[in-house]
Amino acid sequence: MTSMDETDPTSLPGEPVAAPADGVVSVSPHAAILHRLLKLSNRLMTPFSVNLEHQYKISINEFRMLMLIGRHPDSASHELVERTGVNAMSVSRAIAALERHGRVKVERDETNRRRKRLNLTAEGQRLYAIMRPQTDRVADYLLSQLKPHEVAMFDHILTTLIDTLEATDAEGHSLFLERTRPDADD
């Protein structure tokens, strides 16, 4: 084997692969795909961290929230949690930092006093206008080698995977968390 990401083509999906003689432990085909997906996610953030993070003094989560609020004005924090899959505490911290830096304003919703609406300030709108083209360039570059039907299939696959991760049982418990819980120690 030449790479840790390669797997034994004779193994079944999900089946562990025996360690090769060179001592590099192989992983199941599904685990290898997961590792590549994580690598993709990390690589996608590189243009942001190289070109925007330091220049505008904004964290990756703040960037994500700024971009979402720009696309979805009047959102509430819990809606951003749903849209991003980022935990509520991280969203809350990012919103607080954006507000502290004058990029987001938090206003009580007059029709529902418990709800707080999030909108970009003039500074937030300025940053959104600067960062939106960068986001579009990253997306266009990422998908540039795919044919239109492949882009549609990729979108379908992503939607299916997200739906799988967000599925719940009749009581509203996450099936993902329940089915991936580590076995109890004996």
N, C-alpha and C. Protein backbone atom coordinates (compact mmCIF):
# COMPACT_ATOMS: atom_id res chain seq x y z
N MET A 1 0.84 -1.19 0.00
CA MET A 1 0.00 0.00 0.00
C MET A 1 0.87 1.23 0.00
N THR A 2 0.45 2.22 -0.74
CA THR A 2 1.25 3.43 -0.85
C THR A 2 0.72 4.57 0.01
N SER A 3 -0.48 4.43 0.54
CA SER A 3 -1.08 5.53 1.28
C SER A 3 -1.97 4.98 2.38
N MET A 4 -2.10 5.72 3.46
CA MET A 4 -2.97 5.30 4.56
C MET A 4 -4.44 5.35 4.13
N ASP A 5 -4.78 6.09 3.07
CA ASP A 5 -6.16 6.20 2.64
C ASP A 5 -6.59 5.04 1.76
N GLU A 6 -5.65 4.23 1.31
CA GLU A 6 -6.02 3.11 0.46
C GLU A 6 -6.54 1.97 1.31
N THR A 7 -7.42 1.18 0.75
CA THR A 7 -7.98 0.05 1.48
C THR A 7 -7.84 -1.20 0.65
N ASP A 8 -8.02 -2.33 1.29
CA ASP A 8 -7.98 -3.63 0.63
C ASP A 8 -9.26 -3.79 -0.18
N PRO A 9 -9.16 -3.86 -1.51
CA PRO A 9 -10.35 -3.93 -2.35
C PRO A 9 -11.15 -5.21 -2.14
N THR A 10 -10.58 -6.21 -1.48
CA THR A 10 -11.30 -7.46 -1.27
C THR A 10 -12.15 -7.43 0.00
N SER A 11 -11.99 -6.39 0.84
CA SER A 11 -12.77 -6.34 2.07
C SER A 11 -14.16 -5.79 1.79
N LEU A 12 -15.08 -6.13 2.66
CA LEU A 12 -16.44 -5.64 2.55
C LEU A 12 -16.53 -4.27 3.20
N PRO A 13 -17.48 -3.40 2.76
CA PRO A 13 -17.63 -2.10 3.42
C PRO A 13 -17.88 -2.28 4.92
N GLY A 14 -17.14 -1.52 5.70
CA GLY A 14 -17.29 -1.58 7.14
C GLY A 14 -16.45 -2.67 7.80
N GLU A 15 -15.86 -3.55 7.00
CA GLU A 15 -15.07 -4.65 7.56
C GLU A 15 -13.63 -4.18 7.76
N PRO A 16 -13.05 -4.42 8.96
CA PRO A 16 -11.66 -4.02 9.17
C PRO A 16 -10.72 -4.76 8.22
N VAL A 17 -9.67 -4.08 7.85
CA VAL A 17 -8.68 -4.67 6.96
C VAL A 17 -7.45 -5.01 7.78
N ALA A 18 -6.84 -6.16 7.55
CA ALA A 18 -5.67 -6.59 8.30
C ALA A 18 -4.51 -5.63 8.08
N ALA A 19 -3.68 -5.47 9.11
CA ALA A 19 -2.53 -4.59 9.02
C ALA A 19 -1.52 -5.17 8.03
N PRO A 20 -1.02 -4.38 7.11
CA PRO A 20 -0.03 -4.87 6.16
C PRO A 20 1.33 -5.04 6.83
N ALA A 21 2.23 -5.70 6.12
CA ALA A 21 3.56 -5.99 6.65
C ALA A 21 4.35 -4.73 6.98
N ASP A 22 4.07 -3.61 6.29
CA ASP A 22 4.83 -2.38 6.55
C ASP A 22 4.41 -1.68 7.84
N GLY A 23 3.42 -2.23 8.56
CA GLY A 23 3.03 -1.67 9.84
C GLY A 23 1.98 -0.58 9.77
N VAL A 24 1.62 -0.12 8.58
CA VAL A 24 0.58 0.89 8.42
C VAL A 24 -0.77 0.20 8.53
N VAL A 25 -1.58 0.64 9.47
CA VAL A 25 -2.88 0.02 9.67
C VAL A 25 -3.89 0.61 8.70
N SER A 26 -4.55 -0.25 7.96
CA SER A 26 -5.59 0.19 7.04
C SER A 26 -6.90 0.33 7.78
N VAL A 27 -7.81 1.06 7.19
CA VAL A 27 -9.13 1.25 7.77
C VAL A 27 -10.18 0.73 6.81
N SER A 28 -11.39 0.60 7.31
CA SER A 28 -12.47 0.14 6.44
C SER A 28 -12.69 1.16 5.33
N PRO A 29 -13.28 0.73 4.21
CA PRO A 29 -13.55 1.67 3.12
C PRO A 29 -14.40 2.86 3.58
N HIS A 30 -15.38 2.61 4.45
CA HIS A 30 -16.22 3.72 4.92
C HIS A 30 -15.42 4.69 5.78
N ALA A 31 -14.55 4.17 6.62
CA ALA A 31 -13.72 5.05 7.45
C ALA A 31 -12.76 5.85 6.58
N ALA A 32 -12.24 5.24 5.53
CA ALA A 32 -11.35 5.96 4.62
C ALA A 32 -12.10 7.10 3.94
N ILE A 33 -13.35 6.85 3.56
CA ILE A 33 -14.17 7.92 2.95
C ILE A 33 -14.40 9.03 3.97
N LEU A 34 -14.71 8.67 5.21
CA LEU A 34 -14.91 9.66 6.26
C LEU A 34 -13.67 10.52 6.43
N HIS A 35 -12.49 9.92 6.44
CA HIS A 35 -11.25 10.68 6.58
C HIS A 35 -11.05 11.65 5.41
N ARG A 36 -11.38 11.19 4.21
CA ARG A 36 -11.27 12.09 3.05
C ARG A 36 -12.29 13.22 3.12
N LEU A 37 -13.47 12.93 3.62
CA LEU A 37 -14.49 13.97 3.79
C LEU A 37 -14.03 15.01 4.81
N LEU A 38 -13.42 14.56 5.90
CA LEU A 38 -12.88 15.49 6.89
C LEU A 38 -11.74 16.32 6.29
N LYS A 39 -10.91 15.68 5.48
CA LYS A 39 -9.83 16.41 4.81
C LYS A 39 -10.42 17.47 3.87
N LEU A 40 -11.46 17.10 3.12
CA LEU A 40 -12.13 18.04 2.23
C LEU A 40 -12.63 19.25 3.02
N SER A 41 -13.27 18.99 4.14
CA SER A 41 -13.79 20.07 4.97
C SER A 41 -12.66 21.00 5.43
N ASN A 42 -11.56 20.41 5.87
CA ASN A 42 -10.42 21.22 6.31
C ASN A 42 -9.82 22.02 5.15
N ARG A 43 -9.67 21.39 4.00
CA ARG A 43 -9.09 22.09 2.84
C ARG A 43 -9.99 23.23 2.37
N LEU A 44 -11.29 23.06 2.49
CA LEU A 44 -12.21 24.11 2.06
C LEU A 44 -12.04 25.40 2.86
N MET A 45 -11.53 25.29 4.06
CA MET A 45 -11.36 26.47 4.91
C MET A 45 -10.04 27.19 4.66
N THR A 46 -9.13 26.58 3.91
CA THR A 46 -7.82 27.18 3.67
C THR A 46 -7.89 28.56 3.02
N PRO A 47 -8.66 28.76 1.95
CA PRO A 47 -8.72 30.12 1.37
C PRO A 47 -9.24 31.15 2.38
N PHE A 48 -10.16 30.72 3.23
CA PHE A 48 -10.66 31.64 4.25
C PHE A 48 -9.54 32.01 5.21
N SER A 49 -8.86 31.01 5.76
CA SER A 49 -7.84 31.29 6.77
C SER A 49 -6.65 32.05 6.17
N VAL A 50 -6.30 31.76 4.93
CA VAL A 50 -5.17 32.43 4.29
C VAL A 50 -5.54 33.86 3.86
N ASN A 51 -6.73 34.03 3.30
CA ASN A 51 -7.08 35.31 2.68
C ASN A 51 -7.97 36.24 3.50
N LEU A 52 -8.73 35.72 4.46
CA LEU A 52 -9.71 36.58 5.12
C LEU A 52 -9.56 36.68 6.64
N GLU A 53 -9.24 35.57 7.29
CA GLU A 53 -9.27 35.50 8.75
C GLU A 53 -8.42 36.58 9.41
N HIS A 54 -7.17 36.70 9.04
CA HIS A 54 -6.27 37.66 9.69
C HIS A 54 -6.57 39.08 9.24
N GLN A 55 -6.85 39.25 7.97
CA GLN A 55 -7.11 40.58 7.44
C GLN A 55 -8.33 41.24 8.10
N TYR A 56 -9.37 40.45 8.36
CA TYR A 56 -10.60 41.01 8.91
C TYR A 56 -10.84 40.63 10.37
N LYS A 57 -9.88 39.94 10.97
CA LYS A 57 -9.98 39.54 12.38
C LYS A 57 -11.33 38.90 12.68
N ILE A 58 -11.57 37.77 12.02
CA ILE A 58 -12.83 37.05 12.16
C ILE A 58 -12.54 35.55 12.21
N SER A 59 -13.17 34.85 13.12
CA SER A 59 -12.95 33.41 13.25
C SER A 59 -13.79 32.67 12.20
N ILE A 60 -13.50 31.40 12.04
CA ILE A 60 -14.22 30.59 11.06
C ILE A 60 -15.71 30.51 11.40
N ASN A 61 -16.05 30.34 12.68
CA ASN A 61 -17.47 30.29 13.05
C ASN A 61 -18.14 31.64 12.88
N GLU A 62 -17.44 32.71 13.19
CA GLU A 62 -17.99 34.05 12.95
C GLU A 62 -18.24 34.25 11.46
N PHE A 63 -17.29 33.83 10.64
CA PHE A 63 -17.44 33.91 9.18
C PHE A 63 -18.69 33.16 8.73
N ARG A 64 -18.85 31.93 9.20
CA ARG A 64 -20.02 31.12 8.82
C ARG A 64 -21.32 31.82 9.21
N MET A 65 -21.37 32.36 10.42
CA MET A 65 -22.60 33.02 10.88
C MET A 65 -22.85 34.30 10.11
N LEU A 66 -21.80 35.07 9.85
CA LEU A 66 -21.94 36.30 9.08
C LEU A 66 -22.51 36.00 7.70
N MET A 67 -21.97 34.96 7.05
CA MET A 67 -22.44 34.61 5.70
C MET A 67 -23.89 34.12 5.74
N LEU A 68 -24.26 33.37 6.75
CA LEU A 68 -25.63 32.88 6.85
C LEU A 68 -26.62 34.00 7.14
N ILE A 69 -26.26 34.89 8.05
CA ILE A 69 -27.14 36.01 8.37
C ILE A 69 -27.28 36.91 7.15
N GLY A 70 -26.21 37.07 6.38
CA GLY A 70 -26.28 37.85 5.15
C GLY A 70 -27.27 37.24 4.15
N ARG A 71 -27.29 35.91 4.08
CA ARG A 71 -28.22 35.23 3.16
C ARG A 71 -29.62 35.08 3.74
N HIS A 72 -29.71 35.05 5.07
CA HIS A 72 -30.99 34.83 5.75
C HIS A 72 -31.20 35.89 6.83
N PRO A 73 -31.49 37.13 6.42
CA PRO A 73 -31.72 38.18 7.42
C PRO A 73 -32.88 37.81 8.34
N ASP A 74 -32.88 38.37 9.52
CA ASP A 74 -33.91 38.13 10.54
C ASP A 74 -33.88 36.72 11.10
N SER A 75 -32.79 35.98 10.90
CA SER A 75 -32.67 34.64 11.47
C SER A 75 -32.53 34.74 12.99
N ALA A 76 -32.88 33.67 13.65
CA ALA A 76 -32.63 33.53 15.09
C ALA A 76 -31.49 32.54 15.27
N SER A 77 -30.84 32.59 16.42
CA SER A 77 -29.69 31.72 16.67
C SER A 77 -30.02 30.24 16.48
N HIS A 78 -31.17 29.81 16.97
CA HIS A 78 -31.52 28.38 16.84
C HIS A 78 -31.69 27.99 15.37
N GLU A 79 -32.07 28.93 14.52
CA GLU A 79 -32.17 28.64 13.08
C GLU A 79 -30.78 28.48 12.47
N LEU A 80 -29.82 29.25 12.96
CA LEU A 80 -28.44 29.11 12.48
C LEU A 80 -27.85 27.77 12.92
N VAL A 81 -28.21 27.33 14.11
CA VAL A 81 -27.78 26.01 14.59
C VAL A 81 -28.30 24.94 13.63
N GLU A 82 -29.57 25.03 13.28
CA GLU A 82 -30.18 24.06 12.36
C GLU A 82 -29.54 24.10 10.97
N ARG A 83 -29.27 25.29 10.47
CA ARG A 83 -28.73 25.43 9.11
C ARG A 83 -27.28 24.96 9.01
N THR A 84 -26.52 25.14 10.09
CA THR A 84 -25.09 24.83 10.02
C THR A 84 -24.71 23.49 10.62
N GLY A 85 -25.49 23.01 11.58
CA GLY A 85 -25.09 21.81 12.31
C GLY A 85 -24.05 22.10 13.37
N VAL A 86 -23.73 23.37 13.56
CA VAL A 86 -22.78 23.79 14.61
C VAL A 86 -23.54 23.83 15.93
N ASN A 87 -22.90 23.42 17.02
CA ASN A 87 -23.62 23.39 18.30
C ASN A 87 -24.00 24.79 18.76
N ALA A 88 -25.05 24.83 19.60
CA ALA A 88 -25.63 26.10 20.03
C ALA A 88 -24.63 27.00 20.75
N MET A 89 -23.75 26.43 21.56
CA MET A 89 -22.76 27.24 22.28
C MET A 89 -21.80 27.92 21.32
N SER A 90 -21.35 27.21 20.30
CA SER A 90 -20.44 27.81 19.32
C SER A 90 -21.14 28.92 18.52
N VAL A 91 -22.40 28.70 18.17
CA VAL A 91 -23.16 29.74 17.47
C VAL A 91 -23.31 30.95 18.37
N SER A 92 -23.66 30.73 19.62
CA SER A 92 -23.83 31.82 20.58
C SER A 92 -22.56 32.64 20.73
N ARG A 93 -21.42 31.95 20.84
CA ARG A 93 -20.13 32.66 20.97
C ARG A 93 -19.81 33.47 19.72
N ALA A 94 -20.07 32.87 18.56
CA ALA A 94 -19.79 33.58 17.31
C ALA A 94 -20.67 34.81 17.17
N ILE A 95 -21.95 34.68 17.50
CA ILE A 95 -22.87 35.82 17.43
C ILE A 95 -22.44 36.91 18.40
N ALA A 96 -22.05 36.52 19.62
CA ALA A 96 -21.61 37.50 20.61
C ALA A 96 -20.37 38.26 20.11
N ALA A 97 -19.43 37.54 19.49
CA ALA A 97 -18.22 38.19 18.96
C ALA A 97 -18.58 39.12 17.80
N LEU A 98 -19.46 38.67 16.91
CA LEU A 98 -19.88 39.52 15.80
C LEU A 98 -20.58 40.78 16.31
N GLU A 99 -21.40 40.62 17.33
CA GLU A 99 -22.09 41.78 17.91
C GLU A 99 -21.08 42.72 18.57
N ARG A 100 -20.14 42.15 19.31
CA ARG A 100 -19.12 42.94 20.00
C ARG A 100 -18.28 43.76 19.01
N HIS A 101 -18.05 43.21 17.82
CA HIS A 101 -17.27 43.91 16.81
C HIS A 101 -18.13 44.76 15.87
N GLY A 102 -19.39 44.91 16.20
CA GLY A 102 -20.26 45.79 15.42
C GLY A 102 -20.64 45.25 14.06
N ARG A 103 -20.66 43.93 13.92
CA ARG A 103 -20.97 43.32 12.62
C ARG A 103 -22.39 42.78 12.55
N VAL A 104 -22.96 42.50 13.69
CA VAL A 104 -24.32 41.95 13.77
C VAL A 104 -25.08 42.72 14.84
N LYS A 105 -26.36 42.96 14.59
CA LYS A 105 -27.22 43.54 15.62
C LYS A 105 -28.26 42.49 16.00
N VAL A 106 -28.50 42.41 17.30
CA VAL A 106 -29.46 41.46 17.85
C VAL A 106 -30.65 42.28 18.34
N GLU A 107 -31.82 41.99 17.79
CA GLU A 107 -33.02 42.75 18.16
C GLU A 107 -34.14 41.80 18.56
N ARG A 108 -34.90 42.21 19.55
CA ARG A 108 -36.05 41.42 19.97
C ARG A 108 -37.12 41.49 18.89
N ASP A 109 -37.69 40.35 18.58
CA ASP A 109 -38.77 40.25 17.58
C ASP A 109 -40.05 40.76 18.23
N GLU A 110 -40.65 41.78 17.65
CA GLU A 110 -41.86 42.39 18.22
C GLU A 110 -43.06 41.45 18.17
N THR A 111 -43.07 40.51 17.24
CA THR A 111 -44.21 39.58 17.15
C THR A 111 -44.04 38.37 18.07
N ASN A 112 -42.81 38.10 18.51
CA ASN A 112 -42.52 36.99 19.42
C ASN A 112 -41.40 37.46 20.34
N ARG A 113 -41.75 37.96 21.51
CA ARG A 113 -40.79 38.60 22.42
C ARG A 113 -39.67 37.67 22.88
N ARG A 114 -39.86 36.35 22.77
CA ARG A 114 -38.80 35.42 23.18
C ARG A 114 -37.75 35.25 22.09
N ARG A 115 -38.08 35.62 20.87
CA ARG A 115 -37.19 35.42 19.73
C ARG A 115 -36.33 36.66 19.51
N LYS A 116 -35.05 36.43 19.23
CA LYS A 116 -34.14 37.54 18.90
C LYS A 116 -33.74 37.42 17.44
N ARG A 117 -33.98 38.47 16.68
CA ARG A 117 -33.64 38.49 15.26
C ARG A 117 -32.20 38.97 15.08
N LEU A 118 -31.51 38.34 14.15
CA LEU A 118 -30.12 38.69 13.86
C LEU A 118 -30.04 39.31 12.47
N ASN A 119 -29.40 40.45 12.39
CA ASN A 119 -29.20 41.12 11.11
C ASN A 119 -27.81 41.73 11.07
N LEU A 120 -27.30 41.91 9.87
CA LEU A 120 -25.99 42.53 9.69
C LEU A 120 -26.11 44.03 9.89
N THR A 121 -25.09 44.60 10.53
CA THR A 121 -24.97 46.05 10.62
C THR A 121 -24.36 46.54 9.30
N ALA A 122 -24.14 47.82 9.19
CA ALA A 122 -23.48 48.36 7.98
C ALA A 122 -22.09 47.73 7.82
N GLU A 123 -21.36 47.57 8.93
CA GLU A 123 -20.04 46.92 8.88
C GLU A 123 -20.17 45.46 8.48
N GLY A 124 -21.16 44.79 9.02
CA GLY A 124 -21.40 43.39 8.66
C GLY A 124 -21.75 43.25 7.19
N GLN A 125 -22.55 44.16 6.68
CA GLN A 125 -22.91 44.13 5.26
C GLN A 125 -21.70 44.40 4.38
N ARG A 126 -20.81 45.30 4.84
CA ARG A 126 -19.57 45.57 4.10
C ARG A 126 -18.72 44.31 4.01
N LEU A 127 -18.54 43.62 5.15
CA LEU A 127 -17.75 42.38 5.15
C LEU A 127 -18.42 41.29 4.31
N TYR A 128 -19.72 41.19 4.42
CA TYR A 128 -20.46 40.19 3.63
C TYR A 128 -20.22 40.44 2.14
N ALA A 129 -20.27 41.71 1.71
CA ALA A 129 -20.05 42.05 0.30
C ALA A 129 -18.63 41.70 -0.14
N ILE A 130 -17.68 41.80 0.77
CA ILE A 130 -16.28 41.46 0.46
C ILE A 130 -16.11 39.94 0.41
N MET A 131 -16.72 39.23 1.36
CA MET A 131 -16.49 37.80 1.51
C MET A 131 -17.36 36.93 0.61
N ARG A 132 -18.48 37.44 0.17
CA ARG A 132 -19.38 36.64 -0.67
C ARG A 132 -18.71 36.21 -1.97
N PRO A 133 -18.02 37.10 -2.68
CA PRO A 133 -17.34 36.64 -3.91
C PRO A 133 -16.28 35.58 -3.64
N GLN A 134 -15.58 35.68 -2.50
CA GLN A 134 -14.58 34.66 -2.15
C GLN A 134 -15.25 33.31 -1.94
N THR A 135 -16.38 33.32 -1.25
CA THR A 135 -17.14 32.09 -1.02
C THR A 135 -17.58 31.49 -2.35
N ASP A 136 -18.07 32.33 -3.24
CA ASP A 136 -18.51 31.85 -4.56
C ASP A 136 -17.33 31.26 -5.35
N ARG A 137 -16.16 31.91 -5.26
CA ARG A 137 -14.98 31.39 -5.97
C ARG A 137 -14.57 30.02 -5.44
N VAL A 138 -14.62 29.85 -4.11
CA VAL A 138 -14.28 28.56 -3.52
C VAL A 138 -15.24 27.49 -4.02
N ALA A 139 -16.54 27.79 -3.99
CA ALA A 139 -17.55 26.82 -4.44
C ALA A 139 -17.37 26.50 -5.92
N ASP A 140 -17.16 27.52 -6.73
CA ASP A 140 -16.98 27.30 -8.17
C ASP A 140 -15.74 26.46 -8.45
N TYR A 141 -14.64 26.75 -7.74
CA TYR A 141 -13.42 25.97 -7.95
C TYR A 141 -13.61 24.52 -7.51
N LEU A 142 -14.22 24.33 -6.34
CA LEU A 142 -14.42 22.99 -5.82
C LEU A 142 -15.17 22.11 -6.82
N LEU A 143 -16.19 22.64 -7.44
CA LEU A 143 -17.05 21.85 -8.33
C LEU A 143 -16.67 21.95 -9.80
N SER A 144 -15.58 22.66 -10.10
CA SER A 144 -15.22 22.94 -11.49
C SER A 144 -14.89 21.69 -12.31
N GLN A 145 -14.46 20.62 -11.69
CA GLN A 145 -14.11 19.42 -12.44
C GLN A 145 -15.27 18.44 -12.58
N LEU A 146 -16.42 18.81 -12.05
CA LEU A 146 -17.60 17.95 -12.14
C LEU A 146 -18.52 18.41 -13.26
N LYS A 147 -19.14 17.45 -13.90
CA LYS A 147 -20.15 17.74 -14.92
C LYS A 147 -21.45 18.11 -14.20
N PRO A 148 -22.37 18.82 -14.87
CA PRO A 148 -23.61 19.23 -14.21
C PRO A 148 -24.37 18.08 -13.53
N HIS A 149 -24.44 16.91 -14.18
CA HIS A 149 -25.15 15.80 -13.53
C HIS A 149 -24.40 15.29 -12.31
N GLU A 150 -23.06 15.43 -12.30
CA GLU A 150 -22.28 15.02 -11.14
C GLU A 150 -22.50 16.00 -9.98
N VAL A 151 -22.62 17.28 -10.30
CA VAL A 151 -22.91 18.27 -9.26
C VAL A 151 -24.27 17.97 -8.64
N ALA A 152 -25.26 17.66 -9.47
CA ALA A 152 -26.59 17.32 -8.96
C ALA A 152 -26.53 16.06 -8.10
N MET A 153 -25.78 15.06 -8.52
CA MET A 153 -25.65 13.83 -7.75
C MET A 153 -24.93 14.10 -6.43
N PHE A 154 -23.88 14.91 -6.47
CA PHE A 154 -23.14 15.26 -5.26
C PHE A 154 -24.07 15.97 -4.27
N ASP A 155 -24.87 16.89 -4.78
CA ASP A 155 -25.83 17.60 -3.94
C ASP A 155 -26.83 16.61 -3.32
N HIS A 156 -27.30 15.68 -4.13
CA HIS A 156 -28.22 14.65 -3.63
C HIS A 156 -27.56 13.80 -2.54
N ILE A 157 -26.33 13.42 -2.76
CA ILE A 157 -25.60 12.61 -1.78
C ILE A 157 -25.41 13.40 -0.48
N LEU A 158 -25.00 14.66 -0.60
CA LEU A 158 -24.83 15.48 0.61
C LEU A 158 -26.14 15.61 1.38
N THR A 159 -27.23 15.85 0.67
CA THR A 159 -28.54 15.97 1.31
C THR A 159 -28.91 14.68 2.01
N THR A 160 -28.68 13.54 1.36
CA THR A 160 -28.97 12.24 1.96
C THR A 160 -28.13 12.01 3.22
N LEU A 161 -26.85 12.35 3.16
CA LEU A 161 -25.98 12.17 4.32
C LEU A 161 -26.41 13.06 5.48
N ILE A 162 -26.74 14.30 5.19
CA ILE A 162 -27.20 15.22 6.24
C ILE A 162 -28.50 14.72 6.85
N ASP A 163 -29.43 14.28 5.99
CA ASP A 163 -30.69 13.73 6.49
C ASP A 163 -30.44 12.52 7.39
N THR A 164 -29.49 11.67 7.01
CA THR A 164 -29.15 10.51 7.83
C THR A 164 -28.63 10.94 9.19
N LEU A 165 -27.76 11.94 9.22
CA LEU A 165 -27.20 12.42 10.48
C LEU A 165 -28.23 13.13 11.36
N GLU A 166 -29.25 13.72 10.73
CA GLU A 166 -30.26 14.47 11.48
C GLU A 166 -31.51 13.65 11.82
N ALA A 167 -31.56 12.39 11.41
CA ALA A 167 -32.73 11.55 11.67
C ALA A 167 -32.91 11.32 13.17
N THR A 168 -34.17 11.28 13.59
CA THR A 168 -34.48 11.05 15.00
C THR A 168 -35.48 9.91 15.13
N ASP A 169 -35.54 9.34 16.34
CA ASP A 169 -36.53 8.30 16.61
C ASP A 169 -37.85 8.97 17.03
N ALA A 170 -38.82 8.17 17.41
CA ALA A 170 -40.15 8.68 17.76
C ALA A 170 -40.11 9.66 18.94
N GLU A 171 -39.12 9.52 19.82
CA GLU A 171 -38.99 10.42 20.97
C GLU A 171 -38.14 11.65 20.67
N GLY A 172 -37.64 11.74 19.45
CA GLY A 172 -36.82 12.89 19.07
C GLY A 172 -35.34 12.74 19.37
N HIS A 173 -34.90 11.54 19.74
CA HIS A 173 -33.48 11.30 20.01
C HIS A 173 -32.74 11.08 18.69
N SER A 174 -31.52 11.56 18.64
CA SER A 174 -30.69 11.41 17.45
C SER A 174 -30.35 9.95 17.21
N LEU A 175 -30.74 9.44 16.05
CA LEU A 175 -30.37 8.07 15.68
C LEU A 175 -28.87 7.96 15.48
N PHE A 176 -28.27 8.99 14.95
CA PHE A 176 -26.83 9.01 14.73
C PHE A 176 -26.08 8.82 16.06
N LEU A 177 -26.44 9.61 17.07
CA LEU A 177 -25.77 9.49 18.36
C LEU A 177 -26.05 8.15 19.02
N GLU A 178 -27.28 7.66 18.90
CA GLU A 178 -27.64 6.37 19.50
C GLU A 178 -26.89 5.22 18.84
N ARG A 179 -26.81 5.24 17.52
CA ARG A 179 -26.22 4.11 16.79
C ARG A 179 -24.70 4.16 16.70
N THR A 180 -24.12 5.28 17.08
CA THR A 180 -22.65 5.38 17.05
C THR A 180 -22.06 5.44 18.44
N ARG A 181 -22.89 5.22 19.45
CA ARG A 181 -22.42 5.24 20.85
C ARG A 181 -21.40 4.11 21.03
N PRO A 182 -20.28 4.40 21.70
CA PRO A 182 -19.29 3.35 21.95
C PRO A 182 -19.88 2.24 22.81
N ASP A 183 -19.41 1.02 22.58
CA ASP A 183 -19.83 -0.10 23.40
C ASP A 183 -19.35 0.13 24.84
N ALA A 184 -20.16 -0.31 25.79
CA ALA A 184 -19.77 -0.20 27.20
C ALA A 184 -18.61 -1.13 27.47
N ASP A 185 -17.69 -0.68 28.35
CA ASP A 185 -16.56 -1.55 28.74
C ASP A 185 -17.09 -2.72 29.56
N ASP A 186 -16.55 -3.90 29.30
CA ASP A 186 -16.97 -5.09 30.05
C ASP A 186 -16.10 -5.28 31.27
